[in-house]
N, C-alpha and C. Protein backbone atom coordinates (compact mmCIF):
# COMPACT_ATOMS: atom_id res chain seq x y z
N MET A 1 -26.89 0.24 29.34
CA MET A 1 -25.56 -0.17 29.75
C MET A 1 -25.21 0.64 31.00
N ASP A 2 -24.83 -0.08 32.05
CA ASP A 2 -24.47 0.64 33.26
C ASP A 2 -23.02 1.12 33.18
N ALA A 3 -22.59 1.84 34.17
CA ALA A 3 -21.26 2.47 34.17
C ALA A 3 -20.14 1.45 34.01
N LEU A 4 -20.21 0.35 34.75
CA LEU A 4 -19.14 -0.66 34.68
C LEU A 4 -19.06 -1.30 33.30
N GLU A 5 -20.22 -1.60 32.72
CA GLU A 5 -20.23 -2.19 31.38
C GLU A 5 -19.65 -1.22 30.35
N LYS A 6 -20.01 0.04 30.50
CA LYS A 6 -19.50 1.06 29.57
C LYS A 6 -17.99 1.19 29.70
N ILE A 7 -17.49 1.22 30.93
CA ILE A 7 -16.04 1.33 31.16
C ILE A 7 -15.33 0.13 30.57
N GLU A 8 -15.86 -1.06 30.80
CA GLU A 8 -15.25 -2.28 30.25
C GLU A 8 -15.25 -2.24 28.72
N ALA A 9 -16.36 -1.83 28.15
CA ALA A 9 -16.46 -1.77 26.68
C ALA A 9 -15.46 -0.76 26.11
N MET A 10 -15.38 0.41 26.73
CA MET A 10 -14.47 1.44 26.24
C MET A 10 -13.01 1.05 26.46
N GLU A 11 -12.74 0.32 27.54
CA GLU A 11 -11.38 -0.17 27.79
C GLU A 11 -10.96 -1.15 26.69
N GLN A 12 -11.90 -1.99 26.28
CA GLN A 12 -11.62 -2.94 25.20
C GLN A 12 -11.35 -2.18 23.89
N VAL A 13 -12.16 -1.17 23.61
CA VAL A 13 -11.95 -0.36 22.40
C VAL A 13 -10.59 0.33 22.46
N LEU A 14 -10.23 0.87 23.62
CA LEU A 14 -8.93 1.53 23.77
C LEU A 14 -7.79 0.56 23.51
N SER A 15 -7.86 -0.62 24.10
CA SER A 15 -6.80 -1.63 23.90
C SER A 15 -6.67 -2.01 22.43
N GLN A 16 -7.80 -2.25 21.78
CA GLN A 16 -7.77 -2.60 20.36
C GLN A 16 -7.23 -1.44 19.52
N SER A 17 -7.60 -0.23 19.88
CA SER A 17 -7.16 0.94 19.13
C SER A 17 -5.65 1.14 19.25
N ILE A 18 -5.12 0.94 20.44
CA ILE A 18 -3.67 1.06 20.64
C ILE A 18 -2.95 0.00 19.82
N GLU A 19 -3.45 -1.22 19.86
CA GLU A 19 -2.84 -2.32 19.09
C GLU A 19 -2.87 -2.02 17.59
N GLN A 20 -4.01 -1.57 17.08
CA GLN A 20 -4.13 -1.25 15.66
C GLN A 20 -3.23 -0.08 15.28
N SER A 21 -3.18 0.92 16.14
CA SER A 21 -2.32 2.08 15.87
C SER A 21 -0.86 1.65 15.77
N ASN A 22 -0.42 0.81 16.68
CA ASN A 22 0.97 0.34 16.65
C ASN A 22 1.26 -0.44 15.37
N ARG A 23 0.32 -1.30 14.96
CA ARG A 23 0.51 -2.06 13.72
C ARG A 23 0.53 -1.14 12.51
N LEU A 24 -0.37 -0.16 12.49
CA LEU A 24 -0.40 0.78 11.37
C LEU A 24 0.90 1.57 11.27
N TRP A 25 1.42 2.02 12.41
CA TRP A 25 2.70 2.75 12.39
C TRP A 25 3.81 1.89 11.78
N GLN A 26 3.85 0.61 12.16
CA GLN A 26 4.87 -0.29 11.61
C GLN A 26 4.71 -0.44 10.11
N ILE A 27 3.48 -0.63 9.66
CA ILE A 27 3.23 -0.78 8.22
C ILE A 27 3.58 0.49 7.47
N LEU A 28 3.19 1.64 8.02
CA LEU A 28 3.50 2.92 7.37
C LEU A 28 5.00 3.16 7.28
N GLU A 29 5.71 2.83 8.34
CA GLU A 29 7.17 2.99 8.32
C GLU A 29 7.80 2.13 7.24
N THR A 30 7.37 0.88 7.15
CA THR A 30 7.88 -0.02 6.13
C THR A 30 7.54 0.50 4.73
N ALA A 31 6.32 0.99 4.56
CA ALA A 31 5.90 1.53 3.26
C ALA A 31 6.72 2.75 2.87
N GLN A 32 6.98 3.63 3.83
CA GLN A 32 7.79 4.82 3.54
C GLN A 32 9.21 4.44 3.16
N GLU A 33 9.77 3.45 3.82
CA GLU A 33 11.12 2.99 3.48
C GLU A 33 11.15 2.37 2.08
N HIS A 34 10.05 1.77 1.66
CA HIS A 34 9.97 1.09 0.37
C HIS A 34 9.70 2.05 -0.79
N MET A 35 9.21 3.26 -0.50
CA MET A 35 8.79 4.20 -1.54
C MET A 35 9.85 4.46 -2.62
N PRO A 36 11.12 4.67 -2.30
CA PRO A 36 12.09 4.91 -3.37
C PRO A 36 12.16 3.75 -4.37
N ARG A 37 12.08 2.52 -3.88
CA ARG A 37 12.12 1.36 -4.79
C ARG A 37 10.83 1.28 -5.61
N LEU A 38 9.72 1.62 -4.99
CA LEU A 38 8.44 1.62 -5.69
C LEU A 38 8.45 2.68 -6.79
N GLU A 39 8.99 3.85 -6.49
CA GLU A 39 9.09 4.91 -7.49
C GLU A 39 9.97 4.46 -8.66
N ASP A 40 11.05 3.75 -8.35
CA ASP A 40 11.92 3.21 -9.41
C ASP A 40 11.14 2.23 -10.30
N LEU A 41 10.36 1.37 -9.68
CA LEU A 41 9.57 0.39 -10.43
C LEU A 41 8.57 1.08 -11.34
N PHE A 42 7.87 2.07 -10.82
CA PHE A 42 6.87 2.77 -11.61
C PHE A 42 7.51 3.55 -12.75
N ALA A 43 8.69 4.12 -12.50
CA ALA A 43 9.40 4.85 -13.56
C ALA A 43 9.92 3.89 -14.63
N TYR A 44 10.30 2.69 -14.23
CA TYR A 44 10.82 1.68 -15.16
C TYR A 44 9.74 1.25 -16.15
N TYR A 45 8.50 1.13 -15.66
CA TYR A 45 7.40 0.64 -16.48
C TYR A 45 7.16 1.59 -17.65
N GLY A 46 7.23 1.07 -18.85
CA GLY A 46 6.99 1.86 -20.05
C GLY A 46 8.16 2.70 -20.50
N SER A 47 9.26 2.66 -19.76
CA SER A 47 10.44 3.43 -20.14
C SER A 47 11.11 2.78 -21.35
N PRO A 48 12.01 3.49 -22.04
CA PRO A 48 12.75 2.87 -23.14
C PRO A 48 13.50 1.61 -22.68
N GLU A 49 14.04 1.65 -21.48
CA GLU A 49 14.76 0.49 -20.96
C GLU A 49 13.80 -0.70 -20.80
N TRP A 50 12.60 -0.44 -20.24
CA TRP A 50 11.61 -1.51 -20.08
C TRP A 50 11.22 -2.07 -21.44
N ARG A 51 11.00 -1.19 -22.42
CA ARG A 51 10.61 -1.65 -23.77
C ARG A 51 11.70 -2.54 -24.37
N GLU A 52 12.95 -2.13 -24.17
CA GLU A 52 14.07 -2.93 -24.68
C GLU A 52 14.07 -4.31 -24.02
N HIS A 53 13.89 -4.34 -22.70
CA HIS A 53 13.87 -5.62 -21.98
C HIS A 53 12.67 -6.47 -22.40
N PHE A 54 11.54 -5.82 -22.62
CA PHE A 54 10.33 -6.51 -23.08
C PHE A 54 10.59 -7.18 -24.43
N GLU A 55 11.21 -6.44 -25.34
CA GLU A 55 11.52 -6.98 -26.67
C GLU A 55 12.52 -8.13 -26.58
N LEU A 56 13.51 -8.01 -25.71
CA LEU A 56 14.46 -9.11 -25.52
C LEU A 56 13.72 -10.37 -25.06
N ASP A 57 12.77 -10.19 -24.16
CA ASP A 57 11.99 -11.33 -23.68
C ASP A 57 11.15 -11.92 -24.81
N GLU A 58 10.52 -11.05 -25.60
CA GLU A 58 9.70 -11.51 -26.73
C GLU A 58 10.55 -12.29 -27.74
N GLN A 59 11.81 -11.92 -27.87
CA GLN A 59 12.72 -12.59 -28.81
C GLN A 59 13.35 -13.84 -28.20
N GLY A 60 12.98 -14.16 -26.96
CA GLY A 60 13.51 -15.35 -26.31
C GLY A 60 14.93 -15.19 -25.81
N LYS A 61 15.40 -13.97 -25.65
CA LYS A 61 16.77 -13.72 -25.24
C LYS A 61 16.94 -13.60 -23.73
N ILE A 62 15.85 -13.70 -23.00
CA ILE A 62 15.90 -13.69 -21.54
C ILE A 62 15.73 -15.14 -21.09
N PRO A 63 16.64 -15.64 -20.25
CA PRO A 63 16.53 -17.04 -19.82
C PRO A 63 15.16 -17.35 -19.20
N LYS A 64 14.63 -18.49 -19.56
CA LYS A 64 13.29 -18.88 -19.11
C LYS A 64 13.22 -19.08 -17.60
N HIS A 65 14.35 -19.41 -16.97
CA HIS A 65 14.34 -19.63 -15.52
C HIS A 65 14.30 -18.32 -14.73
N LEU A 66 14.54 -17.20 -15.40
CA LEU A 66 14.57 -15.89 -14.74
C LEU A 66 13.15 -15.37 -14.54
N PRO A 67 12.75 -15.10 -13.30
CA PRO A 67 11.42 -14.50 -13.11
C PRO A 67 11.36 -13.17 -13.86
N ARG A 68 10.29 -12.95 -14.60
CA ARG A 68 10.20 -11.72 -15.39
C ARG A 68 8.77 -11.18 -15.44
N GLY A 69 8.09 -11.32 -14.31
CA GLY A 69 6.76 -10.74 -14.20
C GLY A 69 6.78 -9.24 -14.42
N VAL A 70 7.92 -8.64 -14.15
CA VAL A 70 8.09 -7.20 -14.34
C VAL A 70 7.99 -6.83 -15.82
N LEU A 71 8.17 -7.80 -16.70
CA LEU A 71 8.08 -7.54 -18.14
C LEU A 71 6.69 -7.82 -18.70
N SER A 72 5.81 -8.33 -17.85
CA SER A 72 4.44 -8.53 -18.34
C SER A 72 3.78 -7.16 -18.46
N GLU A 73 2.85 -7.05 -19.37
CA GLU A 73 2.20 -5.75 -19.57
C GLU A 73 1.24 -5.43 -18.43
N ASP A 74 0.80 -6.43 -17.70
CA ASP A 74 -0.16 -6.20 -16.63
C ASP A 74 0.46 -6.14 -15.24
N GLY A 75 1.60 -6.75 -15.05
CA GLY A 75 2.19 -6.86 -13.71
C GLY A 75 2.37 -5.53 -13.01
N ILE A 76 3.15 -4.65 -13.59
CA ILE A 76 3.41 -3.35 -12.96
C ILE A 76 2.16 -2.49 -13.02
N TYR A 77 1.45 -2.51 -14.14
CA TYR A 77 0.24 -1.70 -14.28
C TYR A 77 -0.76 -2.02 -13.18
N ASN A 78 -1.00 -3.29 -12.92
CA ASN A 78 -1.93 -3.69 -11.87
C ASN A 78 -1.43 -3.26 -10.50
N THR A 79 -0.13 -3.30 -10.30
CA THR A 79 0.44 -2.83 -9.04
C THR A 79 0.23 -1.33 -8.88
N ILE A 80 0.38 -0.58 -9.97
CA ILE A 80 0.11 0.86 -9.93
C ILE A 80 -1.34 1.10 -9.53
N LEU A 81 -2.26 0.37 -10.14
CA LEU A 81 -3.68 0.52 -9.80
C LEU A 81 -3.95 0.17 -8.34
N ASP A 82 -3.31 -0.90 -7.86
CA ASP A 82 -3.47 -1.29 -6.45
C ASP A 82 -2.99 -0.18 -5.52
N TYR A 83 -1.84 0.39 -5.83
CA TYR A 83 -1.31 1.46 -4.98
C TYR A 83 -2.15 2.72 -5.07
N ARG A 84 -2.71 3.00 -6.24
CA ARG A 84 -3.60 4.16 -6.37
C ARG A 84 -4.85 3.97 -5.49
N GLU A 85 -5.42 2.77 -5.53
CA GLU A 85 -6.59 2.47 -4.70
C GLU A 85 -6.23 2.52 -3.22
N LEU A 86 -5.06 1.99 -2.89
CA LEU A 86 -4.59 2.03 -1.50
C LEU A 86 -4.44 3.47 -1.02
N ALA A 87 -3.87 4.33 -1.86
CA ALA A 87 -3.71 5.74 -1.49
C ALA A 87 -5.06 6.39 -1.25
N GLN A 88 -6.03 6.10 -2.10
CA GLN A 88 -7.37 6.68 -1.93
C GLN A 88 -8.01 6.18 -0.63
N THR A 89 -7.84 4.90 -0.34
CA THR A 89 -8.39 4.34 0.89
C THR A 89 -7.74 4.98 2.11
N MET A 90 -6.43 5.21 2.05
CA MET A 90 -5.75 5.86 3.17
C MET A 90 -6.23 7.30 3.35
N ARG A 91 -6.48 8.01 2.24
CA ARG A 91 -7.01 9.38 2.34
C ARG A 91 -8.40 9.37 3.00
N THR A 92 -9.23 8.43 2.59
CA THR A 92 -10.58 8.32 3.16
C THR A 92 -10.50 8.00 4.65
N LEU A 93 -9.63 7.07 5.02
CA LEU A 93 -9.46 6.71 6.43
C LEU A 93 -8.94 7.91 7.22
N ALA A 94 -7.99 8.64 6.66
CA ALA A 94 -7.46 9.83 7.34
C ALA A 94 -8.57 10.84 7.59
N ASP A 95 -9.43 11.04 6.61
CA ASP A 95 -10.57 11.96 6.78
C ASP A 95 -11.52 11.46 7.87
N GLN A 96 -11.77 10.16 7.91
CA GLN A 96 -12.65 9.59 8.93
C GLN A 96 -12.05 9.76 10.33
N ILE A 97 -10.74 9.56 10.44
CA ILE A 97 -10.07 9.74 11.73
C ILE A 97 -10.17 11.19 12.17
N ASP A 98 -9.86 12.12 11.25
CA ASP A 98 -9.96 13.54 11.58
C ASP A 98 -11.37 13.91 12.02
N GLN A 99 -12.37 13.39 11.32
CA GLN A 99 -13.77 13.68 11.66
C GLN A 99 -14.13 13.11 13.03
N ALA A 100 -13.63 11.92 13.35
CA ALA A 100 -13.93 11.30 14.65
C ALA A 100 -13.28 12.08 15.79
N ILE A 101 -12.08 12.62 15.53
CA ILE A 101 -11.37 13.38 16.56
C ILE A 101 -12.01 14.75 16.77
N SER A 102 -12.37 15.41 15.69
CA SER A 102 -12.94 16.77 15.75
C SER A 102 -14.23 16.82 14.93
N PRO A 103 -15.32 16.27 15.45
CA PRO A 103 -16.55 16.19 14.65
C PRO A 103 -17.15 17.55 14.28
N GLU A 104 -16.83 18.61 15.01
CA GLU A 104 -17.41 19.92 14.71
C GLU A 104 -16.77 20.59 13.51
N GLU A 105 -15.56 20.23 13.19
CA GLU A 105 -14.82 20.92 12.12
C GLU A 105 -15.28 20.51 10.75
């Protein structure tokens, strides 16, 4: 690869990297803003209040037209697992970024 090809290739990588970085910042900001509600959801799951609501649904006392995926035994649990996997993936990516920036460390 000659100098011009290398410059063009690296310019393309830089442009893509800036675009991805901007998108990631937006996603991270949205995720951080959402965290208090997510913490509320995770705390609700399995709580006495959730159990009471689950039993009301089992007894048919919750209107059928009301969305109640939150009362399924798998809905919140699967979301917890998804977020746990997402957190691990973000940690791995952070380590890869750190290594790419400072490969000697």
